[in-house]
């Protein structure tokens, strides 16, 4: 086991600890939000869809996402391209 910082360590090539658990939880929540947005997109205005994408990305990164990334994902969703946001139960480390 390698300690990265308090609450985060690596064991057998995977991140573990409370910080890793929090990151996995944020990723899963962002994925659920994006799935909901994709289902509701046909009934949403462009502004509401863009705001929803921004909130989903912000949920994941805990920062304001770049506008170009929000615009890109919004355009893909609007065109009907399915955005998959897989979140596994473990974070692999390089």
C-alpha atoms as a PDB file:
ATOM      1  CA  UNK A   1       0.000   0.000   0.000  1.00  0.00           C
ATOM      2  CA  UNK A   2       1.286   3.457  -0.959  1.00  0.00           C
ATOM      3  CA  UNK A   3      -0.023   6.494   0.883  1.00  0.00           C
ATOM      4  CA  UNK A   4      -0.641   9.433  -1.480  1.00  0.00           C
ATOM      5  CA  UNK A   5      -2.126  11.757   1.136  1.00  0.00           C
ATOM      6  CA  UNK A   6      -4.321  11.282   4.176  1.00  0.00           C
ATOM      7  CA  UNK A   7      -7.490   9.563   2.973  1.00  0.00           C
ATOM      8  CA  UNK A   8      -6.020   8.398  -0.346  1.00  0.00           C
ATOM      9  CA  UNK A   9      -3.730   5.476  -0.978  1.00  0.00           C
ATOM     10  CA  UNK A  10      -2.944   2.988  -3.732  1.00  0.00           C
ATOM     11  CA  UNK A  11      -3.135  -0.754  -3.329  1.00  0.00           C
ATOM     12  CA  UNK A  12      -2.659  -3.243  -6.172  1.00  0.00           C
ATOM     13  CA  UNK A  13      -2.956  -0.481  -8.786  1.00  0.00           C
ATOM     14  CA  UNK A  14      -6.233   0.972  -7.465  1.00  0.00           C
ATOM     15  CA  UNK A  15      -6.943   4.103  -5.432  1.00  0.00           C
ATOM     16  CA  UNK A  16      -8.644   3.460  -2.117  1.00  0.00           C
ATOM     17  CA  UNK A  17      -9.765   5.397   0.900  1.00  0.00           C
ATOM     18  CA  UNK A  18     -12.362   8.067   1.613  1.00  0.00           C
ATOM     19  CA  UNK A  19     -11.085  10.453  -1.072  1.00  0.00           C
ATOM     20  CA  UNK A  20     -11.284   7.740  -3.729  1.00  0.00           C
ATOM     21  CA  UNK A  21     -14.779   6.848  -2.535  1.00  0.00           C
ATOM     22  CA  UNK A  22     -15.842  10.497  -2.816  1.00  0.00           C
ATOM     23  CA  UNK A  23     -14.459  10.749  -6.363  1.00  0.00           C
ATOM     24  CA  UNK A  24     -16.306   7.572  -7.379  1.00  0.00           C
ATOM     25  CA  UNK A  25     -19.515   8.897  -5.866  1.00  0.00           C
ATOM     26  CA  UNK A  26     -19.166  12.208  -7.759  1.00  0.00           C
ATOM     27  CA  UNK A  27     -18.506  10.365 -11.014  1.00  0.00           C
ATOM     28  CA  UNK A  28     -21.545   8.141 -10.572  1.00  0.00           C
ATOM     29  CA  UNK A  29     -23.777  11.116  -9.735  1.00  0.00           C
ATOM     30  CA  UNK A  30     -22.536  13.064 -12.769  1.00  0.00           C
ATOM     31  CA  UNK A  31     -23.269  10.039 -14.943  1.00  0.00           C
ATOM     32  CA  UNK A  32     -26.802   9.769 -13.595  1.00  0.00           C
ATOM     33  CA  UNK A  33     -27.379  13.483 -14.223  1.00  0.00           C
ATOM     34  CA  UNK A  34     -26.129  13.205 -17.799  1.00  0.00           C
ATOM     35  CA  UNK A  35     -28.377  10.188 -18.394  1.00  0.00           C
ATOM     36  CA  UNK A  36     -31.384  12.129 -17.093  1.00  0.00           C
ATOM     37  CA  UNK A  37     -30.504  15.082 -19.319  1.00  0.00           C
ATOM     38  CA  UNK A  38     -30.265  12.868 -22.369  1.00  0.00           C
ATOM     39  CA  UNK A  39     -33.716  11.463 -21.654  1.00  0.00           C
ATOM     40  CA  UNK A  40     -35.231  14.911 -21.116  1.00  0.00           C
ATOM     41  CA  UNK A  41     -33.308  16.741 -23.879  1.00  0.00           C
ATOM     42  CA  UNK A  42     -36.129  16.725 -26.457  1.00  0.00           C
ATOM     43  CA  UNK A  43     -38.359  18.690 -24.080  1.00  0.00           C
ATOM     44  CA  UNK A  44     -35.677  21.107 -22.832  1.00  0.00           C
ATOM     45  CA  UNK A  45     -34.644  24.478 -24.184  1.00  0.00           C
ATOM     46  CA  UNK A  46     -31.045  24.862 -25.296  1.00  0.00           C
ATOM     47  CA  UNK A  47     -30.324  27.050 -22.271  1.00  0.00           C
ATOM     48  CA  UNK A  48     -31.755  24.556 -19.794  1.00  0.00           C
ATOM     49  CA  UNK A  49     -29.874  21.693 -21.421  1.00  0.00           C
ATOM     50  CA  UNK A  50     -26.623  23.657 -21.347  1.00  0.00           C
ATOM     51  CA  UNK A  51     -27.157  24.551 -17.680  1.00  0.00           C
ATOM     52  CA  UNK A  52     -27.841  20.907 -16.857  1.00  0.00           C
ATOM     53  CA  UNK A  53     -24.666  19.768 -18.609  1.00  0.00           C
ATOM     54  CA  UNK A  54     -22.685  22.434 -16.765  1.00  0.00           C
ATOM     55  CA  UNK A  55     -24.116  21.297 -13.419  1.00  0.00           C
ATOM     56  CA  UNK A  56     -23.360  17.635 -14.144  1.00  0.00           C
ATOM     57  CA  UNK A  57     -19.749  18.407 -15.052  1.00  0.00           C
ATOM     58  CA  UNK A  58     -19.383  20.709 -12.077  1.00  0.00           C
ATOM     59  CA  UNK A  59     -20.701  17.934  -9.832  1.00  0.00           C
ATOM     60  CA  UNK A  60     -17.887  15.714 -11.118  1.00  0.00           C
ATOM     61  CA  UNK A  61     -14.967  18.162 -11.152  1.00  0.00           C
ATOM     62  CA  UNK A  62     -16.119  20.428  -8.316  1.00  0.00           C
ATOM     63  CA  UNK A  63     -14.991  23.331 -10.513  1.00  0.00           C
ATOM     64  CA  UNK A  64     -16.556  25.435 -13.228  1.00  0.00           C
ATOM     65  CA  UNK A  65     -16.160  23.341 -16.413  1.00  0.00           C
ATOM     66  CA  UNK A  66     -14.706  24.952 -19.546  1.00  0.00           C
ATOM     67  CA  UNK A  67     -17.419  26.518 -21.714  1.00  0.00           C
ATOM     68  CA  UNK A  68     -16.118  24.678 -24.789  1.00  0.00           C
ATOM     69  CA  UNK A  69     -16.597  21.329 -23.038  1.00  0.00           C
ATOM     70  CA  UNK A  70     -20.143  22.251 -21.953  1.00  0.00           C
ATOM     71  CA  UNK A  71     -20.984  23.464 -25.469  1.00  0.00           C
ATOM     72  CA  UNK A  72     -19.544  20.334 -27.063  1.00  0.00           C
ATOM     73  CA  UNK A  73     -21.449  17.904 -24.846  1.00  0.00           C
ATOM     74  CA  UNK A  74     -24.636  19.958 -25.173  1.00  0.00           C
ATOM     75  CA  UNK A  75     -24.385  19.885 -28.975  1.00  0.00           C
ATOM     76  CA  UNK A  76     -23.799  16.121 -28.987  1.00  0.00           C
ATOM     77  CA  UNK A  77     -26.785  15.497 -26.740  1.00  0.00           C
ATOM     78  CA  UNK A  78     -28.958  17.809 -28.833  1.00  0.00           C
ATOM     79  CA  UNK A  79     -27.997  15.828 -31.962  1.00  0.00           C
ATOM     80  CA  UNK A  80     -29.005  12.598 -30.238  1.00  0.00           C
ATOM     81  CA  UNK A  81     -25.499  11.235 -29.708  1.00  0.00           C
ATOM     82  CA  UNK A  82     -25.522   9.075 -26.600  1.00  0.00           C
ATOM     83  CA  UNK A  83     -22.944  10.181 -24.024  1.00  0.00           C
ATOM     84  CA  UNK A  84     -21.790   7.247 -21.916  1.00  0.00           C
ATOM     85  CA  UNK A  85     -20.312   8.133 -18.558  1.00  0.00           C
ATOM     86  CA  UNK A  86     -19.179   4.845 -17.060  1.00  0.00           C
ATOM     87  CA  UNK A  87     -18.270   4.870 -13.398  1.00  0.00           C
ATOM     88  CA  UNK A  88     -16.730   1.710 -12.041  1.00  0.00           C
ATOM     89  CA  UNK A  89     -16.499   0.704  -8.428  1.00  0.00           C
ATOM     90  CA  UNK A  90     -12.723   1.216  -8.327  1.00  0.00           C
ATOM     91  CA  UNK A  91     -10.312   3.908  -9.548  1.00  0.00           C
ATOM     92  CA  UNK A  92      -7.350   2.493 -11.383  1.00  0.00           C
ATOM     93  CA  UNK A  93      -4.006   4.236 -11.065  1.00  0.00           C
ATOM     94  CA  UNK A  94      -1.368   4.417 -13.768  1.00  0.00           C
END
